[in-house]
N, C-alpha and C. Protein backbone atom coordinates (compact mmCIF):
# COMPACT_ATOMS: atom_id res chain seq x y z
N MET A 1 289.21 157.41 -127.09
CA MET A 1 288.17 156.41 -127.00
C MET A 1 288.84 155.04 -127.08
N GLN A 2 288.28 154.16 -126.34
CA GLN A 2 288.79 152.79 -126.32
C GLN A 2 287.61 151.84 -126.36
N LYS A 3 287.76 150.76 -127.10
CA LYS A 3 286.69 149.78 -127.19
C LYS A 3 286.66 148.96 -125.91
N GLY A 4 285.50 148.90 -125.29
CA GLY A 4 285.34 148.15 -124.04
C GLY A 4 284.89 146.73 -124.29
N PRO A 5 284.67 145.97 -123.21
CA PRO A 5 284.24 144.57 -123.33
C PRO A 5 282.89 144.44 -124.05
N ASP A 6 282.10 145.50 -124.03
CA ASP A 6 280.80 145.49 -124.72
C ASP A 6 280.94 145.85 -126.20
N GLN A 7 282.21 146.01 -126.66
CA GLN A 7 282.54 146.36 -128.05
C GLN A 7 282.08 147.77 -128.43
N GLU A 8 281.71 148.57 -127.46
CA GLU A 8 281.37 149.98 -127.68
C GLU A 8 282.58 150.83 -127.31
N PHE A 9 282.68 152.01 -127.93
CA PHE A 9 283.77 152.92 -127.60
C PHE A 9 283.39 153.76 -126.38
N HIS A 10 284.37 153.90 -125.47
CA HIS A 10 284.17 154.66 -124.24
C HIS A 10 285.33 155.64 -124.08
N PRO A 11 285.05 156.82 -123.51
CA PRO A 11 286.13 157.78 -123.26
C PRO A 11 287.13 157.22 -122.26
N VAL A 12 288.39 157.52 -122.47
CA VAL A 12 289.44 157.09 -121.56
C VAL A 12 289.80 158.22 -120.59
N VAL A 13 289.80 159.44 -121.11
CA VAL A 13 290.17 160.59 -120.29
C VAL A 13 289.47 161.83 -120.84
N PHE A 14 289.17 162.75 -119.94
CA PHE A 14 288.67 164.06 -120.33
C PHE A 14 289.67 165.09 -119.82
N LEU A 15 290.04 166.03 -120.66
CA LEU A 15 290.94 167.11 -120.26
C LEU A 15 290.22 168.44 -120.46
N ARG A 16 290.60 169.40 -119.65
CA ARG A 16 290.08 170.75 -119.87
C ARG A 16 291.13 171.75 -119.45
N LYS A 17 291.04 172.92 -120.05
CA LYS A 17 291.96 174.00 -119.72
C LYS A 17 291.20 175.31 -119.92
N LYS A 18 291.29 176.16 -118.94
CA LYS A 18 290.69 177.48 -119.07
C LYS A 18 291.64 178.35 -119.89
N LEU A 19 291.11 178.99 -120.92
CA LEU A 19 291.92 179.85 -121.77
C LEU A 19 292.19 181.17 -121.08
N SER A 20 293.38 181.69 -121.29
CA SER A 20 293.71 183.02 -120.79
C SER A 20 292.92 184.05 -121.60
N GLU A 21 292.95 185.28 -121.16
CA GLU A 21 292.24 186.34 -121.89
C GLU A 21 292.79 186.47 -123.31
N ARG A 22 294.11 186.40 -123.46
CA ARG A 22 294.73 186.48 -124.79
C ARG A 22 294.30 185.29 -125.65
N GLU A 23 294.32 184.09 -125.08
CA GLU A 23 293.95 182.89 -125.83
C GLU A 23 292.47 182.91 -126.23
N SER A 24 291.63 183.48 -125.40
CA SER A 24 290.20 183.52 -125.71
C SER A 24 289.91 184.43 -126.91
N ASN A 25 290.87 185.27 -127.29
CA ASN A 25 290.71 186.13 -128.46
C ASN A 25 291.19 185.49 -129.76
N TRP A 26 291.74 184.29 -129.67
CA TRP A 26 292.20 183.60 -130.87
C TRP A 26 291.01 183.23 -131.76
N SER A 27 291.31 182.96 -133.02
CA SER A 27 290.27 182.48 -133.95
C SER A 27 289.83 181.08 -133.53
N VAL A 28 288.71 180.64 -134.06
CA VAL A 28 288.20 179.29 -133.75
C VAL A 28 289.22 178.24 -134.18
N SER A 29 289.83 178.39 -135.34
CA SER A 29 290.82 177.41 -135.81
C SER A 29 292.02 177.36 -134.88
N GLU A 30 292.46 178.51 -134.38
CA GLU A 30 293.58 178.54 -133.45
C GLU A 30 293.22 177.84 -132.14
N LYS A 31 292.01 178.09 -131.64
CA LYS A 31 291.58 177.44 -130.40
C LYS A 31 291.48 175.93 -130.58
N GLU A 32 290.92 175.50 -131.69
CA GLU A 32 290.77 174.06 -131.94
C GLU A 32 292.13 173.39 -132.10
N CYS A 33 293.03 174.04 -132.80
CA CYS A 33 294.38 173.50 -132.98
C CYS A 33 295.11 173.46 -131.65
N TYR A 34 294.98 174.50 -130.87
CA TYR A 34 295.63 174.53 -129.56
C TYR A 34 295.11 173.40 -128.66
N ALA A 35 293.83 173.10 -128.77
CA ALA A 35 293.27 171.99 -127.99
C ALA A 35 293.98 170.68 -128.32
N ILE A 36 294.30 170.49 -129.59
CA ILE A 36 295.02 169.28 -130.00
C ILE A 36 296.44 169.30 -129.45
N VAL A 37 297.12 170.43 -129.61
CA VAL A 37 298.50 170.56 -129.12
C VAL A 37 298.54 170.33 -127.61
N TYR A 38 297.65 170.97 -126.87
CA TYR A 38 297.60 170.84 -125.42
C TYR A 38 297.33 169.37 -125.01
N THR A 39 296.38 168.76 -125.66
CA THR A 39 296.03 167.37 -125.35
C THR A 39 297.18 166.43 -125.61
N LEU A 40 297.84 166.59 -126.75
CA LEU A 40 298.95 165.69 -127.07
C LEU A 40 300.14 165.92 -126.15
N GLU A 41 300.34 167.15 -125.68
CA GLU A 41 301.39 167.39 -124.68
C GLU A 41 301.08 166.61 -123.40
N LYS A 42 299.82 166.63 -122.97
CA LYS A 42 299.42 165.96 -121.74
C LYS A 42 299.43 164.44 -121.88
N LEU A 43 299.08 163.95 -123.06
CA LEU A 43 298.95 162.50 -123.28
C LEU A 43 300.15 161.90 -124.00
N CYS A 44 301.20 162.67 -124.17
CA CYS A 44 302.38 162.22 -124.91
C CYS A 44 302.88 160.84 -124.47
N PRO A 45 303.00 160.56 -123.17
CA PRO A 45 303.51 159.23 -122.77
C PRO A 45 302.63 158.07 -123.26
N TYR A 46 301.37 158.35 -123.54
CA TYR A 46 300.44 157.29 -123.93
C TYR A 46 300.31 157.14 -125.44
N VAL A 47 300.59 158.20 -126.18
CA VAL A 47 300.39 158.15 -127.63
C VAL A 47 301.69 158.19 -128.43
N TRP A 48 302.79 158.58 -127.79
CA TRP A 48 304.07 158.69 -128.49
C TRP A 48 304.45 157.34 -129.10
N GLY A 49 304.78 157.34 -130.37
CA GLY A 49 305.21 156.12 -131.05
C GLY A 49 304.07 155.19 -131.45
N ARG A 50 302.85 155.61 -131.26
CA ARG A 50 301.69 154.79 -131.63
C ARG A 50 300.86 155.53 -132.67
N ARG A 51 300.34 154.79 -133.61
CA ARG A 51 299.44 155.38 -134.61
C ARG A 51 298.07 155.53 -133.97
N PHE A 52 297.46 156.69 -134.16
CA PHE A 52 296.12 156.90 -133.61
C PHE A 52 295.30 157.80 -134.53
N HIS A 53 294.02 157.77 -134.30
CA HIS A 53 293.08 158.59 -135.07
C HIS A 53 292.61 159.72 -134.17
N LEU A 54 292.68 160.91 -134.70
CA LEU A 54 292.21 162.08 -133.98
C LEU A 54 290.91 162.53 -134.62
N GLN A 55 289.86 162.56 -133.84
CA GLN A 55 288.56 162.95 -134.37
C GLN A 55 288.23 164.37 -133.92
N THR A 56 287.77 165.17 -134.86
CA THR A 56 287.40 166.55 -134.57
C THR A 56 286.18 166.93 -135.38
N ASP A 57 285.37 167.83 -134.82
CA ASP A 57 284.23 168.33 -135.58
C ASP A 57 284.59 169.65 -136.27
N HIS A 58 285.86 170.02 -136.22
CA HIS A 58 286.32 171.25 -136.87
C HIS A 58 287.04 170.86 -138.16
N ALA A 59 286.32 170.86 -139.27
CA ALA A 59 286.83 170.37 -140.55
C ALA A 59 288.07 171.12 -141.01
N ALA A 60 288.21 172.37 -140.62
CA ALA A 60 289.36 173.17 -141.08
C ALA A 60 290.68 172.59 -140.60
N LEU A 61 290.68 171.78 -139.55
CA LEU A 61 291.93 171.24 -139.03
C LEU A 61 292.49 170.10 -139.88
N GLN A 62 291.79 169.67 -140.88
CA GLN A 62 292.30 168.59 -141.72
C GLN A 62 293.53 169.01 -142.51
N TRP A 63 293.83 170.30 -142.56
CA TRP A 63 295.01 170.80 -143.26
C TRP A 63 296.28 170.67 -142.44
N LEU A 64 296.18 170.27 -141.17
CA LEU A 64 297.33 170.29 -140.26
C LEU A 64 298.58 169.59 -140.80
N HIS A 65 298.39 168.52 -141.53
CA HIS A 65 299.57 167.78 -142.03
C HIS A 65 300.21 168.43 -143.25
N THR A 66 299.56 169.45 -143.81
CA THR A 66 300.12 170.08 -145.01
C THR A 66 300.78 171.43 -144.72
N THR A 67 300.57 171.98 -143.55
CA THR A 67 301.13 173.27 -143.11
C THR A 67 301.01 174.37 -144.16
N LYS A 68 299.82 174.52 -144.71
CA LYS A 68 299.57 175.61 -145.65
C LYS A 68 299.05 176.82 -144.89
N GLY A 69 299.19 177.96 -145.48
CA GLY A 69 298.67 179.18 -144.88
C GLY A 69 299.79 180.08 -144.39
N ASN A 70 299.41 181.21 -143.83
CA ASN A 70 300.43 182.16 -143.39
C ASN A 70 300.29 182.52 -141.91
N ASN A 71 299.51 181.77 -141.17
CA ASN A 71 299.38 181.98 -139.74
C ASN A 71 300.55 181.28 -139.05
N LYS A 72 301.51 182.06 -138.57
CA LYS A 72 302.75 181.50 -138.01
C LYS A 72 302.48 180.59 -136.81
N LYS A 73 301.51 180.94 -136.01
CA LYS A 73 301.19 180.14 -134.83
C LYS A 73 300.69 178.75 -135.25
N LEU A 74 299.77 178.71 -136.23
CA LEU A 74 299.24 177.43 -136.69
C LEU A 74 300.32 176.60 -137.39
N ILE A 75 301.18 177.25 -138.14
CA ILE A 75 302.26 176.54 -138.81
C ILE A 75 303.22 175.95 -137.78
N ARG A 76 303.55 176.72 -136.75
CA ARG A 76 304.43 176.24 -135.68
C ARG A 76 303.82 175.03 -134.97
N TRP A 77 302.53 175.10 -134.67
CA TRP A 77 301.86 173.98 -134.02
C TRP A 77 301.80 172.78 -134.94
N SER A 78 301.54 173.02 -136.21
CA SER A 78 301.50 171.92 -137.18
C SER A 78 302.84 171.20 -137.23
N LEU A 79 303.92 171.95 -137.20
CA LEU A 79 305.26 171.34 -137.21
C LEU A 79 305.49 170.53 -135.93
N ALA A 80 305.04 171.04 -134.79
CA ALA A 80 305.19 170.31 -133.53
C ALA A 80 304.39 169.01 -133.55
N LEU A 81 303.24 169.02 -134.21
CA LEU A 81 302.40 167.82 -134.26
C LEU A 81 302.94 166.75 -135.21
N GLN A 82 303.91 167.13 -136.05
CA GLN A 82 304.49 166.14 -136.97
C GLN A 82 305.26 165.06 -136.24
N ASP A 83 305.58 165.27 -134.97
CA ASP A 83 306.26 164.25 -134.18
C ASP A 83 305.33 163.09 -133.83
N PHE A 84 304.03 163.28 -134.02
CA PHE A 84 303.05 162.25 -133.68
C PHE A 84 302.54 161.58 -134.95
N ASP A 85 302.20 160.30 -134.83
CA ASP A 85 301.73 159.51 -135.96
C ASP A 85 300.20 159.37 -135.88
N PHE A 86 299.49 160.32 -136.49
CA PHE A 86 298.03 160.28 -136.43
C PHE A 86 297.43 160.78 -137.73
N ASP A 87 296.18 160.42 -137.91
CA ASP A 87 295.41 161.00 -139.01
C ASP A 87 294.21 161.70 -138.39
N ILE A 88 293.72 162.68 -139.10
CA ILE A 88 292.60 163.49 -138.61
C ILE A 88 291.34 163.05 -139.33
N GLN A 89 290.33 162.72 -138.54
CA GLN A 89 289.04 162.32 -139.07
C GLN A 89 288.01 163.36 -138.68
N HIS A 90 287.32 163.90 -139.67
CA HIS A 90 286.26 164.86 -139.37
C HIS A 90 284.99 164.09 -139.01
N ILE A 91 284.39 164.49 -137.90
CA ILE A 91 283.09 163.95 -137.51
C ILE A 91 282.15 165.15 -137.35
N SER A 92 280.91 164.94 -137.68
CA SER A 92 279.96 166.06 -137.59
C SER A 92 279.73 166.45 -136.14
N GLY A 93 279.41 167.70 -135.94
CA GLY A 93 279.13 168.18 -134.59
C GLY A 93 277.97 167.43 -133.96
N ALA A 94 277.00 167.04 -134.76
CA ALA A 94 275.84 166.29 -134.23
C ALA A 94 276.26 164.93 -133.69
N SER A 95 277.35 164.37 -134.24
CA SER A 95 277.84 163.07 -133.77
C SER A 95 278.80 163.21 -132.60
N ASN A 96 279.10 164.42 -132.22
CA ASN A 96 280.10 164.69 -131.19
C ASN A 96 279.44 165.28 -129.94
N LYS A 97 278.38 164.65 -129.50
CA LYS A 97 277.56 165.21 -128.42
C LYS A 97 278.28 165.30 -127.09
N VAL A 98 279.10 164.32 -126.75
CA VAL A 98 279.80 164.35 -125.46
C VAL A 98 280.75 165.53 -125.40
N ALA A 99 281.56 165.71 -126.44
CA ALA A 99 282.51 166.82 -126.45
C ALA A 99 281.78 168.16 -126.45
N ASP A 100 280.71 168.25 -127.23
CA ASP A 100 279.94 169.49 -127.26
C ASP A 100 279.36 169.80 -125.89
N ALA A 101 278.82 168.81 -125.23
CA ALA A 101 278.22 169.03 -123.91
C ALA A 101 279.28 169.49 -122.91
N LEU A 102 280.45 168.88 -122.95
CA LEU A 102 281.51 169.24 -122.02
C LEU A 102 282.05 170.64 -122.29
N SER A 103 282.12 171.02 -123.55
CA SER A 103 282.69 172.33 -123.87
C SER A 103 281.71 173.47 -123.60
N ARG A 104 280.44 173.17 -123.52
CA ARG A 104 279.45 174.21 -123.30
C ARG A 104 278.95 174.27 -121.86
N GLU A 105 279.19 173.24 -121.11
CA GLU A 105 278.72 173.18 -119.72
C GLU A 105 279.62 174.00 -118.81
N SER A 106 279.03 174.58 -117.80
CA SER A 106 279.79 175.32 -116.82
C SER A 106 280.02 174.45 -115.60
N PHE A 107 281.28 174.27 -115.24
CA PHE A 107 281.63 173.44 -114.09
C PHE A 107 282.29 174.30 -113.03
N PRO A 108 282.07 173.97 -111.76
CA PRO A 108 282.76 174.74 -110.71
C PRO A 108 284.26 174.48 -110.79
N GLU A 109 285.04 175.50 -110.44
CA GLU A 109 286.49 175.36 -110.44
C GLU A 109 286.90 174.40 -109.33
N SER A 110 287.88 173.56 -109.61
CA SER A 110 288.36 172.62 -108.59
C SER A 110 289.26 173.38 -107.63
N THR A 111 289.29 172.92 -106.40
CA THR A 111 290.11 173.58 -105.39
C THR A 111 291.35 172.78 -105.07
N GLY A 112 291.49 171.62 -105.67
CA GLY A 112 292.60 170.75 -105.30
C GLY A 112 293.67 170.76 -106.28
């Protein structure tokens, strides 16, 4: 999100990725964490070396900076995310209408 001339926040980019069959069997926390990892890989040139706020409606991801737990995949991703300078802000799902709408809507596959 970026503040526009009207002083309101506007989306800068929308990303999406279709999960493989194996990925679709992951837990909700794994899927949510993977979304962050995938997004930061794609946006690395824009966020690398800059402090930013990451907003999520998945409260369980607030542990990412502490790498607690025994899920090796989540711990590995948490370590990879340590290269970025961000804090995680929980926002309620009700306040996250754009992301919810995009994640639940069915879009035709692009051909290009």
